[in-house]
PDB file of N, CA and C in Angstrom:
ATOM      1  N   MET A   1     -28.519 -28.196  80.250  1.00  0.00           N
ATOM      2  CA  MET A   1     -29.682 -27.341  80.167  1.00  0.00           C
ATOM      3  C   MET A   1     -30.949 -28.205  80.214  1.00  0.00           C
ATOM      4  N   SER A   2     -31.919 -27.801  80.903  1.00  0.00           N
ATOM      5  CA  SER A   2     -33.219 -28.535  81.025  1.00  0.00           C
ATOM      6  C   SER A   2     -33.972 -28.474  79.722  1.00  0.00           C
ATOM      7  N   ILE A   3     -34.886 -29.437  79.609  1.00  0.00           N
ATOM      8  CA  ILE A   3     -35.699 -29.529  78.386  1.00  0.00           C
ATOM      9  C   ILE A   3     -36.812 -28.494  78.403  1.00  0.00           C
ATOM     10  N   MET A   4     -37.256 -28.057  79.538  1.00  0.00           N
ATOM     11  CA  MET A   4     -38.397 -27.128  79.611  1.00  0.00           C
ATOM     12  C   MET A   4     -38.120 -25.782  78.962  1.00  0.00           C
ATOM     13  N   PRO A   5     -36.974 -25.154  79.150  1.00  0.00           N
ATOM     14  CA  PRO A   5     -36.737 -23.904  78.431  1.00  0.00           C
ATOM     15  C   PRO A   5     -36.711 -24.105  76.963  1.00  0.00           C
ATOM     16  N   ARG A   6     -36.183 -25.235  76.453  1.00  0.00           N
ATOM     17  CA  ARG A   6     -36.146 -25.498  75.028  1.00  0.00           C
ATOM     18  C   ARG A   6     -37.545 -25.671  74.505  1.00  0.00           C
ATOM     19  N   LEU A   7     -38.412 -26.369  75.235  1.00  0.00           N
ATOM     20  CA  LEU A   7     -39.773 -26.589  74.793  1.00  0.00           C
ATOM     21  C   LEU A   7     -40.554 -25.240  74.780  1.00  0.00           C
ATOM     22  N   ALA A   8     -40.280 -24.443  75.792  1.00  0.00           N
ATOM     23  CA  ALA A   8     -40.889 -23.124  75.846  1.00  0.00           C
ATOM     24  C   ALA A   8     -40.511 -22.269  74.682  1.00  0.00           C
ATOM     25  N   MET A   9     -39.198 -22.286  74.330  1.00  0.00           N
ATOM     26  CA  MET A   9     -38.722 -21.522  73.183  1.00  0.00           C
ATOM     27  C   MET A   9     -39.320 -22.036  71.876  1.00  0.00           C
ATOM     28  N   LEU A  10     -39.400 -23.356  71.727  1.00  0.00           N
ATOM     29  CA  LEU A  10     -40.006 -23.943  70.536  1.00  0.00           C
ATOM     30  C   LEU A  10     -41.485 -23.535  70.427  1.00  0.00           C
ATOM     31  N   GLY A  11     -42.227 -23.525  71.544  1.00  0.00           N
ATOM     32  CA  GLY A  11     -43.595 -23.170  71.568  1.00  0.00           C
ATOM     33  C   GLY A  11     -43.734 -21.665  71.170  1.00  0.00           C
ATOM     34  N   LEU A  12     -42.859 -20.822  71.698  1.00  0.00           N
ATOM     35  CA  LEU A  12     -42.907 -19.430  71.345  1.00  0.00           C
ATOM     36  C   LEU A  12     -42.639 -19.172  69.843  1.00  0.00           C
ATOM     37  N   ILE A  13     -41.649 -19.941  69.297  1.00  0.00           N
ATOM     38  CA  ILE A  13     -41.344 -19.780  67.868  1.00  0.00           C
ATOM     39  C   ILE A  13     -42.534 -20.242  67.040  1.00  0.00           C
ATOM     40  N   LEU A  14     -43.151 -21.333  67.409  1.00  0.00           N
ATOM     41  CA  LEU A  14     -44.312 -21.825  66.621  1.00  0.00           C
ATOM     42  C   LEU A  14     -45.505 -20.870  66.717  1.00  0.00           C
ATOM     43  N   LEU A  15     -45.687 -20.238  67.898  1.00  0.00           N
ATOM     44  CA  LEU A  15     -46.770 -19.224  68.041  1.00  0.00           C
ATOM     45  C   LEU A  15     -46.504 -18.035  67.183  1.00  0.00           C
ATOM     46  N   VAL A  16     -45.309 -17.542  67.139  1.00  0.00           N
ATOM     47  CA  VAL A  16     -44.920 -16.370  66.347  1.00  0.00           C
ATOM     48  C   VAL A  16     -45.083 -16.672  64.861  1.00  0.00           C
ATOM     49  N   LEU A  17     -44.634 -17.855  64.404  1.00  0.00           N
ATOM     50  CA  LEU A  17     -44.767 -18.222  63.002  1.00  0.00           C
ATOM     51  C   LEU A  17     -46.280 -18.419  62.653  1.00  0.00           C
ATOM     52  N   GLY A  18     -47.001 -18.958  63.516  1.00  0.00           N
ATOM     53  CA  GLY A  18     -48.439 -19.147  63.290  1.00  0.00           C
ATOM     54  C   GLY A  18     -49.142 -17.800  63.135  1.00  0.00           C
ATOM     55  N   LEU A  19     -48.821 -16.852  63.959  1.00  0.00           N
ATOM     56  CA  LEU A  19     -49.401 -15.512  63.861  1.00  0.00           C
ATOM     57  C   LEU A  19     -48.933 -14.785  62.633  1.00  0.00           C
ATOM     58  N   TYR A  20     -47.684 -14.991  62.263  1.00  0.00           N
ATOM     59  CA  TYR A  20     -47.150 -14.333  61.073  1.00  0.00           C
ATOM     60  C   TYR A  20     -47.876 -14.812  59.867  1.00  0.00           C
ATOM     61  N   TRP A  21     -48.104 -16.115  59.724  1.00  0.00           N
ATOM     62  CA  TRP A  21     -48.762 -16.687  58.512  1.00  0.00           C
ATOM     63  C   TRP A  21     -50.230 -16.765  58.631  1.00  0.00           C
ATOM     64  N   LEU A  22     -50.878 -16.248  59.709  1.00  0.00           N
ATOM     65  CA  LEU A  22     -52.292 -16.340  59.924  1.00  0.00           C
ATOM     66  C   LEU A  22     -53.102 -15.778  58.739  1.00  0.00           C
ATOM     67  N   PRO A  23     -52.784 -14.588  58.193  1.00  0.00           N
ATOM     68  CA  PRO A  23     -53.613 -14.142  57.030  1.00  0.00           C
ATOM     69  C   PRO A  23     -53.549 -15.132  55.844  1.00  0.00           C
ATOM     70  N   SER A  24     -52.404 -15.649  55.569  1.00  0.00           N
ATOM     71  CA  SER A  24     -52.269 -16.617  54.420  1.00  0.00           C
ATOM     72  C   SER A  24     -53.033 -17.860  54.667  1.00  0.00           C
ATOM     73  N   ILE A  25     -52.957 -18.376  55.896  1.00  0.00           N
ATOM     74  CA  ILE A  25     -53.635 -19.623  56.300  1.00  0.00           C
ATOM     75  C   ILE A  25     -55.145 -19.438  56.191  1.00  0.00           C
ATOM     76  N   LEU A  26     -55.663 -18.339  56.741  1.00  0.00           N
ATOM     77  CA  LEU A  26     -57.110 -18.029  56.694  1.00  0.00           C
ATOM     78  C   LEU A  26     -57.572 -17.813  55.280  1.00  0.00           C
ATOM     79  N   ALA A  27     -56.814 -17.127  54.447  1.00  0.00           N
ATOM     80  CA  ALA A  27     -57.159 -16.937  53.016  1.00  0.00           C
ATOM     81  C   ALA A  27     -57.232 -18.269  52.302  1.00  0.00           C
ATOM     82  N   TYR A  28     -56.320 -19.185  52.602  1.00  0.00           N
ATOM     83  CA  TYR A  28     -56.336 -20.477  51.990  1.00  0.00           C
ATOM     84  C   TYR A  28     -57.554 -21.316  52.391  1.00  0.00           C
ATOM     85  N   LEU A  29     -57.811 -21.273  53.714  1.00  0.00           N
ATOM     86  CA  LEU A  29     -58.946 -22.049  54.237  1.00  0.00           C
ATOM     87  C   LEU A  29     -60.258 -21.515  53.785  1.00  0.00           C
ATOM     88  N   ARG A  30     -60.378 -20.193  53.607  1.00  0.00           N
ATOM     89  CA  ARG A  30     -61.604 -19.607  53.163  1.00  0.00           C
ATOM     90  C   ARG A  30     -61.714 -19.582  51.596  1.00  0.00           C
ATOM     91  N   ARG A  31     -60.699 -20.030  50.907  1.00  0.00           N
ATOM     92  CA  ARG A  31     -60.652 -20.064  49.462  1.00  0.00           C
ATOM     93  C   ARG A  31     -60.891 -18.663  48.960  1.00  0.00           C
ATOM     94  N   HIS A  32     -60.181 -17.705  49.476  1.00  0.00           N
ATOM     95  CA  HIS A  32     -60.372 -16.290  49.137  1.00  0.00           C
ATOM     96  C   HIS A  32     -59.931 -16.062  47.696  1.00  0.00           C
ATOM     97  N   ALA A  33     -60.623 -15.198  46.973  1.00  0.00           N
ATOM     98  CA  ALA A  33     -60.393 -14.964  45.569  1.00  0.00           C
ATOM     99  C   ALA A  33     -59.045 -14.295  45.429  1.00  0.00           C
ATOM    100  N   GLU A  34     -58.540 -13.569  46.408  1.00  0.00           N
ATOM    101  CA  GLU A  34     -57.259 -12.866  46.335  1.00  0.00           C
ATOM    102  C   GLU A  34     -56.161 -13.580  47.117  1.00  0.00           C
ATOM    103  N   LEU A  35     -56.203 -14.834  47.068  1.00  0.00           N
ATOM    104  CA  LEU A  35     -55.281 -15.676  47.824  1.00  0.00           C
ATOM    105  C   LEU A  35     -53.797 -15.365  47.454  1.00  0.00           C
ATOM    106  N   VAL A  36     -53.480 -15.270  46.213  1.00  0.00           N
ATOM    107  CA  VAL A  36     -52.117 -15.086  45.774  1.00  0.00           C
ATOM    108  C   VAL A  36     -51.571 -13.733  46.252  1.00  0.00           C
ATOM    109  N   PRO A  37     -52.275 -12.603  46.041  1.00  0.00           N
ATOM    110  CA  PRO A  37     -51.751 -11.359  46.566  1.00  0.00           C
ATOM    111  C   PRO A  37     -51.618 -11.299  48.095  1.00  0.00           C
ATOM    112  N   ILE A  38     -52.532 -11.957  48.763  1.00  0.00           N
ATOM    113  CA  ILE A  38     -52.449 -11.999  50.239  1.00  0.00           C
ATOM    114  C   ILE A  38     -51.228 -12.768  50.677  1.00  0.00           C
ATOM    115  N   VAL A  39     -50.947 -13.946  50.062  1.00  0.00           N
ATOM    116  CA  VAL A  39     -49.803 -14.694  50.449  1.00  0.00           C
ATOM    117  C   VAL A  39     -48.488 -14.038  50.098  1.00  0.00           C
ATOM    118  N   LEU A  40     -48.434 -13.387  48.864  1.00  0.00           N
ATOM    119  CA  LEU A  40     -47.219 -12.679  48.462  1.00  0.00           C
ATOM    120  C   LEU A  40     -46.874 -11.536  49.373  1.00  0.00           C
ATOM    121  N   VAL A  41     -47.903 -10.734  49.690  1.00  0.00           N
ATOM    122  CA  VAL A  41     -47.648  -9.566  50.591  1.00  0.00           C
ATOM    123  C   VAL A  41     -47.300 -10.078  51.976  1.00  0.00           C
ATOM    124  N   ASN A  42     -47.962 -11.082  52.460  1.00  0.00           N
ATOM    125  CA  ASN A  42     -47.677 -11.663  53.748  1.00  0.00           C
ATOM    126  C   ASN A  42     -46.236 -12.193  53.817  1.00  0.00           C
ATOM    127  N   ALA A  43     -45.826 -12.901  52.745  1.00  0.00           N
ATOM    128  CA  ALA A  43     -44.483 -13.508  52.739  1.00  0.00           C
ATOM    129  C   ALA A  43     -43.379 -12.432  52.574  1.00  0.00           C
ATOM    130  N   LEU A  44     -43.638 -11.441  51.698  1.00  0.00           N
ATOM    131  CA  LEU A  44     -42.563 -10.477  51.402  1.00  0.00           C
ATOM    132  C   LEU A  44     -42.576  -9.260  52.322  1.00  0.00           C
ATOM    133  N   LEU A  45     -43.720  -8.859  52.752  1.00  0.00           N
ATOM    134  CA  LEU A  45     -43.824  -7.605  53.548  1.00  0.00           C
ATOM    135  C   LEU A  45     -44.428  -7.805  54.922  1.00  0.00           C
ATOM    136  N   GLY A  46     -44.822  -9.017  55.247  1.00  0.00           N
ATOM    137  CA  GLY A  46     -45.406  -9.272  56.551  1.00  0.00           C
ATOM    138  C   GLY A  46     -44.610  -8.864  57.751  1.00  0.00           C
ATOM    139  N   TRP A  47     -43.244  -8.890  57.603  1.00  0.00           N
ATOM    140  CA  TRP A  47     -42.381  -8.581  58.688  1.00  0.00           C
ATOM    141  C   TRP A  47     -42.427  -7.029  58.985  1.00  0.00           C
ATOM    142  N   THR A  48     -42.928  -6.293  58.041  1.00  0.00           N
ATOM    143  CA  THR A  48     -42.983  -4.846  58.281  1.00  0.00           C
ATOM    144  C   THR A  48     -44.213  -4.395  59.086  1.00  0.00           C
ATOM    145  N   VAL A  49     -44.987  -5.318  59.507  1.00  0.00           N
ATOM    146  CA  VAL A  49     -46.227  -5.067  60.272  1.00  0.00           C
ATOM    147  C   VAL A  49     -47.232  -4.344  59.340  1.00  0.00           C
ATOM    148  N   LEU A  50     -46.842  -3.328  58.591  1.00  0.00           N
ATOM    149  CA  LEU A  50     -47.767  -2.715  57.663  1.00  0.00           C
ATOM    150  C   LEU A  50     -48.205  -3.741  56.616  1.00  0.00           C
ATOM    151  N   GLY A  51     -47.312  -4.534  56.102  1.00  0.00           N
ATOM    152  CA  GLY A  51     -47.692  -5.580  55.124  1.00  0.00           C
ATOM    153  C   GLY A  51     -48.609  -6.638  55.753  1.00  0.00           C
ATOM    154  N   TRP A  52     -48.373  -6.952  56.991  1.00  0.00           N
ATOM    155  CA  TRP A  52     -49.172  -7.941  57.686  1.00  0.00           C
ATOM    156  C   TRP A  52     -50.575  -7.364  57.875  1.00  0.00           C
ATOM    157  N   VAL A  53     -50.713  -6.118  58.325  1.00  0.00           N
ATOM    158  CA  VAL A  53     -52.004  -5.440  58.483  1.00  0.00           C
ATOM    159  C   VAL A  53     -52.716  -5.356  57.194  1.00  0.00           C
ATOM    160  N   TRP A  54     -51.993  -5.051  56.076  1.00  0.00           N
ATOM    161  CA  TRP A  54     -52.645  -4.997  54.797  1.00  0.00           C
ATOM    162  C   TRP A  54     -53.209  -6.393  54.410  1.00  0.00           C
ATOM    163  N   ALA A  55     -52.476  -7.439  54.692  1.00  0.00           N
ATOM    164  CA  ALA A  55     -52.955  -8.789  54.321  1.00  0.00           C
ATOM    165  C   ALA A  55     -54.220  -9.099  55.169  1.00  0.00           C
ATOM    166  N   VAL A  56     -54.221  -8.750  56.417  1.00  0.00           N
ATOM    167  CA  VAL A  56     -55.407  -8.989  57.320  1.00  0.00           C
ATOM    168  C   VAL A  56     -56.552  -8.200  56.792  1.00  0.00           C
ATOM    169  N   ALA A  57     -56.349  -6.937  56.469  1.00  0.00           N
ATOM    170  CA  ALA A  57     -57.423  -6.086  55.996  1.00  0.00           C
ATOM    171  C   ALA A  57     -58.018  -6.559  54.678  1.00  0.00           C
ATOM    172  N   ARG A  58     -57.133  -7.039  53.780  1.00  0.00           N
ATOM    173  CA  ARG A  58     -57.602  -7.597  52.467  1.00  0.00           C
ATOM    174  C   ARG A  58     -58.412  -8.886  52.745  1.00  0.00           C
ATOM    175  N   LEU A  59     -57.996  -9.657  53.694  1.00  0.00           N
ATOM    176  CA  LEU A  59     -58.695 -10.904  54.019  1.00  0.00           C
ATOM    177  C   LEU A  59     -60.061 -10.584  54.545  1.00  0.00           C
ATOM    178  N   VAL A  60     -60.176  -9.614  55.472  1.00  0.00           N
ATOM    179  CA  VAL A  60     -61.427  -9.293  56.086  1.00  0.00           C
ATOM    180  C   VAL A  60     -62.408  -8.546  55.143  1.00  0.00           C
ATOM    181  N   ARG A  61     -61.829  -7.732  54.204  1.00  0.00           N
ATOM    182  CA  ARG A  61     -62.686  -6.994  53.322  1.00  0.00           C
ATOM    183  C   ARG A  61     -63.371  -7.869  52.272  1.00  0.00           C
ATOM    184  N   GLY A  62     -62.949  -9.113  52.150  1.00  0.00           N
ATOM    185  CA  GLY A  62     -63.582  -9.998  51.150  1.00  0.00           C
ATOM    186  C   GLY A  62     -65.066 -10.183  51.424  1.00  0.00           C
ATOM    187  N   HIS A  63     -65.820 -10.280  50.389  1.00  0.00           N
ATOM    188  CA  HIS A  63     -67.298 -10.485  50.482  1.00  0.00           C
ATOM    189  C   HIS A  63     -67.605 -11.889  50.197  1.00  0.00           C
ATOM    190  N   ALA A  64     -68.864 -12.351  50.465  1.00  0.00           N
ATOM    191  CA  ALA A  64     -69.271 -13.734  50.206  1.00  0.00           C
ATOM    192  C   ALA A  64     -69.098 -14.098  48.782  1.00  0.00           C
ATOM    193  N   GLY A  65     -69.304 -13.148  47.846  1.00  0.00           N
ATOM    194  CA  GLY A  65     -69.217 -13.460  46.423  1.00  0.00           C
ATOM    195  C   GLY A  65     -67.777 -13.477  45.956  1.00  0.00           C
ATOM    196  N   ASP A  66     -66.812 -13.071  46.806  1.00  0.00           N
ATOM    197  CA  ASP A  66     -65.440 -13.017  46.389  1.00  0.00           C
ATOM    198  C   ASP A  66     -64.609 -14.320  46.620  1.00  0.00           C
ATOM    199  N   THR A  67     -65.293 -15.369  47.028  1.00  0.00           N
ATOM    200  CA  THR A  67     -64.583 -16.594  47.331  1.00  0.00           C
ATOM    201  C   THR A  67     -64.549 -17.479  46.134  1.00  0.00           C
ATOM    202  N   LEU A  68     -63.680 -18.422  46.110  1.00  0.00           N
ATOM    203  CA  LEU A  68     -63.589 -19.411  45.007  1.00  0.00           C
ATOM    204  C   LEU A  68     -64.434 -20.637  45.293  1.00  0.00           C
ATOM    205  N   ALA A  69     -65.100 -20.697  46.469  1.00  0.00           N
ATOM    206  CA  ALA A  69     -65.911 -21.823  46.839  1.00  0.00           C
ATOM    207  C   ALA A  69     -67.207 -21.850  46.020  1.00  0.00           C
ATOM    208  N   PRO A  70     -67.773 -23.084  45.787  1.00  0.00           N
ATOM    209  CA  PRO A  70     -69.003 -23.176  45.021  1.00  0.00           C
ATOM    210  C   PRO A  70     -70.112 -22.379  45.746  1.00  0.00           C
ATOM    211  N   GLN A  71     -70.994 -21.779  44.985  1.00  0.00           N
ATOM    212  CA  GLN A  71     -72.072 -21.007  45.575  1.00  0.00           C
ATOM    213  C   GLN A  71     -73.121 -21.934  46.104  1.00  0.00           C
ATOM    214  N   PRO A  72     -73.876 -21.558  47.148  1.00  0.00           N
ATOM    215  CA  PRO A  72     -74.893 -22.451  47.744  1.00  0.00           C
ATOM    216  C   PRO A  72     -75.967 -22.871  46.818  1.00  0.00           C
ATOM    217  N   ALA A  73     -76.343 -22.040  45.846  1.00  0.00           N
ATOM    218  CA  ALA A  73     -77.404 -22.424  44.881  1.00  0.00           C
ATOM    219  C   ALA A  73     -76.909 -23.615  44.033  1.00  0.00           C
ATOM    220  N   ALA A  74     -75.644 -23.548  43.627  1.00  0.00           N
ATOM    221  CA  ALA A  74     -75.097 -24.711  42.814  1.00  0.00           C
ATOM    222  C   ALA A  74     -75.059 -25.978  43.683  1.00  0.00           C
ATOM    223  N   ALA A  75     -74.656 -25.817  44.928  1.00  0.00           N
ATOM    224  CA  ALA A  75     -74.565 -26.992  45.755  1.00  0.00           C
ATOM    225  C   ALA A  75     -75.950 -27.564  46.047  1.00  0.00           C
ATOM    226  N   ALA A  76     -76.951 -26.671  46.199  1.00  0.00           N
ATOM    227  CA  ALA A  76     -78.332 -27.142  46.425  1.00  0.00           C
ATOM    228  C   ALA A  76     -78.879 -27.895  45.216  1.00  0.00           C
ATOM    229  N   ALA A  77     -78.413 -27.466  44.028  1.00  0.00           N
ATOM    230  CA  ALA A  77     -78.931 -28.128  42.844  1.00  0.00           C
ATOM    231  C   ALA A  77     -78.300 -29.490  42.633  1.00  0.00           C
ATOM    232  N   GLY A  78     -77.285 -29.815  43.426  1.00  0.00           N
ATOM    233  CA  GLY A  78     -76.672 -31.090  43.336  1.00  0.00           C
ATOM    234  C   GLY A  78     -75.554 -31.267  42.326  1.00  0.00           C
ATOM    235  N   ARG A  79     -75.092 -30.155  41.711  1.00  0.00           N
ATOM    236  CA  ARG A  79     -74.007 -30.193  40.724  1.00  0.00           C
ATOM    237  C   ARG A  79     -72.889 -29.360  41.228  1.00  0.00           C
ATOM    238  N   GLN A  80     -71.666 -29.830  41.010  1.00  0.00           N
ATOM    239  CA  GLN A  80     -70.488 -29.125  41.461  1.00  0.00           C
ATOM    240  C   GLN A  80     -70.022 -28.102  40.429  1.00  0.00           C
ATOM    241  N   ASP A  81     -70.484 -28.184  39.150  1.00  0.00           N
ATOM    242  CA  ASP A  81     -69.958 -27.301  38.114  1.00  0.00           C
ATOM    243  C   ASP A  81     -70.810 -26.001  38.033  1.00  0.00           C
ATOM    244  N   GLY A  82     -71.850 -25.868  38.846  1.00  0.00           N
ATOM    245  CA  GLY A  82     -72.630 -24.632  38.874  1.00  0.00           C
ATOM    246  C   GLY A  82     -73.774 -24.586  37.899  1.00  0.00           C
ATOM    247  N   ARG A  83     -73.804 -25.599  36.983  1.00  0.00           N
ATOM    248  CA  ARG A  83     -74.930 -25.655  36.040  1.00  0.00           C
ATOM    249  C   ARG A  83     -76.171 -26.221  36.708  1.00  0.00           C
ATOM    250  N   PRO A  84     -77.333 -25.770  36.279  1.00  0.00           N
ATOM    251  CA  PRO A  84     -78.568 -26.225  36.930  1.00  0.00           C
ATOM    252  C   PRO A  84     -78.801 -27.693  36.571  1.00  0.00           C
ATOM    253  N   GLN A  85     -79.514 -28.384  37.474  1.00  0.00           N
ATOM    254  CA  GLN A  85     -79.866 -29.770  37.263  1.00  0.00           C
ATOM    255  C   GLN A  85     -80.851 -29.869  36.135  1.00  0.00           C
ATOM    256  N   PRO A  86     -80.743 -30.902  35.247  1.00  0.00           N
ATOM    257  CA  PRO A  86     -81.721 -31.077  34.190  1.00  0.00           C
ATOM    258  C   PRO A  86     -83.100 -31.336  34.726  1.00  0.00           C
ATOM    259  N   ALA A  87     -84.065 -30.751  34.051  1.00  0.00           N
ATOM    260  CA  ALA A  87     -85.479 -30.940  34.495  1.00  0.00           C
ATOM    261  C   ALA A  87     -85.857 -32.385  34.334  1.00  0.00           C
ATOM    262  N   ALA A  88     -86.667 -32.903  35.229  1.00  0.00           N
ATOM    263  CA  ALA A  88     -87.152 -34.266  35.122  1.00  0.00           C
ATOM    264  C   ALA A  88     -88.243 -34.346  34.052  1.00  0.00           C
ATOM    265  N   SER A  89     -88.223 -35.410  33.301  1.00  0.00           N
ATOM    266  CA  SER A  89     -89.203 -35.549  32.240  1.00  0.00           C
ATOM    267  C   SER A  89     -90.555 -35.883  32.876  1.00  0.00           C
ATOM    268  N   PRO A  90     -91.645 -35.337  32.293  1.00  0.00           N
ATOM    269  CA  PRO A  90     -92.983 -35.597  32.905  1.00  0.00           C
ATOM    270  C   PRO A  90     -93.362 -37.045  32.688  1.00  0.00           C
ATOM    271  N   ARG A  91     -94.006 -37.600  33.664  1.00  0.00           N
ATOM    272  CA  ARG A  91     -94.448 -39.028  33.548  1.00  0.00           C
ATOM    273  C   ARG A  91     -95.800 -39.050  32.833  1.00  0.00           C
ATOM    274  N   ALA A  92     -95.917 -40.016  32.016  1.00  0.00           N
ATOM    275  CA  ALA A  92     -97.184 -40.115  31.217  1.00  0.00           C
ATOM    276  C   ALA A  92     -98.186 -40.987  31.936  1.00  0.00           C
TER     277      ALA A  92
END
């Protein structure tokens, strides 16, 4: 048997697996606040298509404030913990 049909089958399998896990991957990359429920539903019920659609809908429904990523105001202040930068002391 030639190598091309095997490579084509491998490519198809990787494509299907990538699409199957797409909601979980995107939730992880976006640091979604509901990462665990999305991954669990995707893993356990994704094969039912309804579970996969639920995971995608949950991922898309997230708002900017629903992520675990640091907020822009905290990043602009120069601190990673979200606390404001201490005020500079006035020069005499």
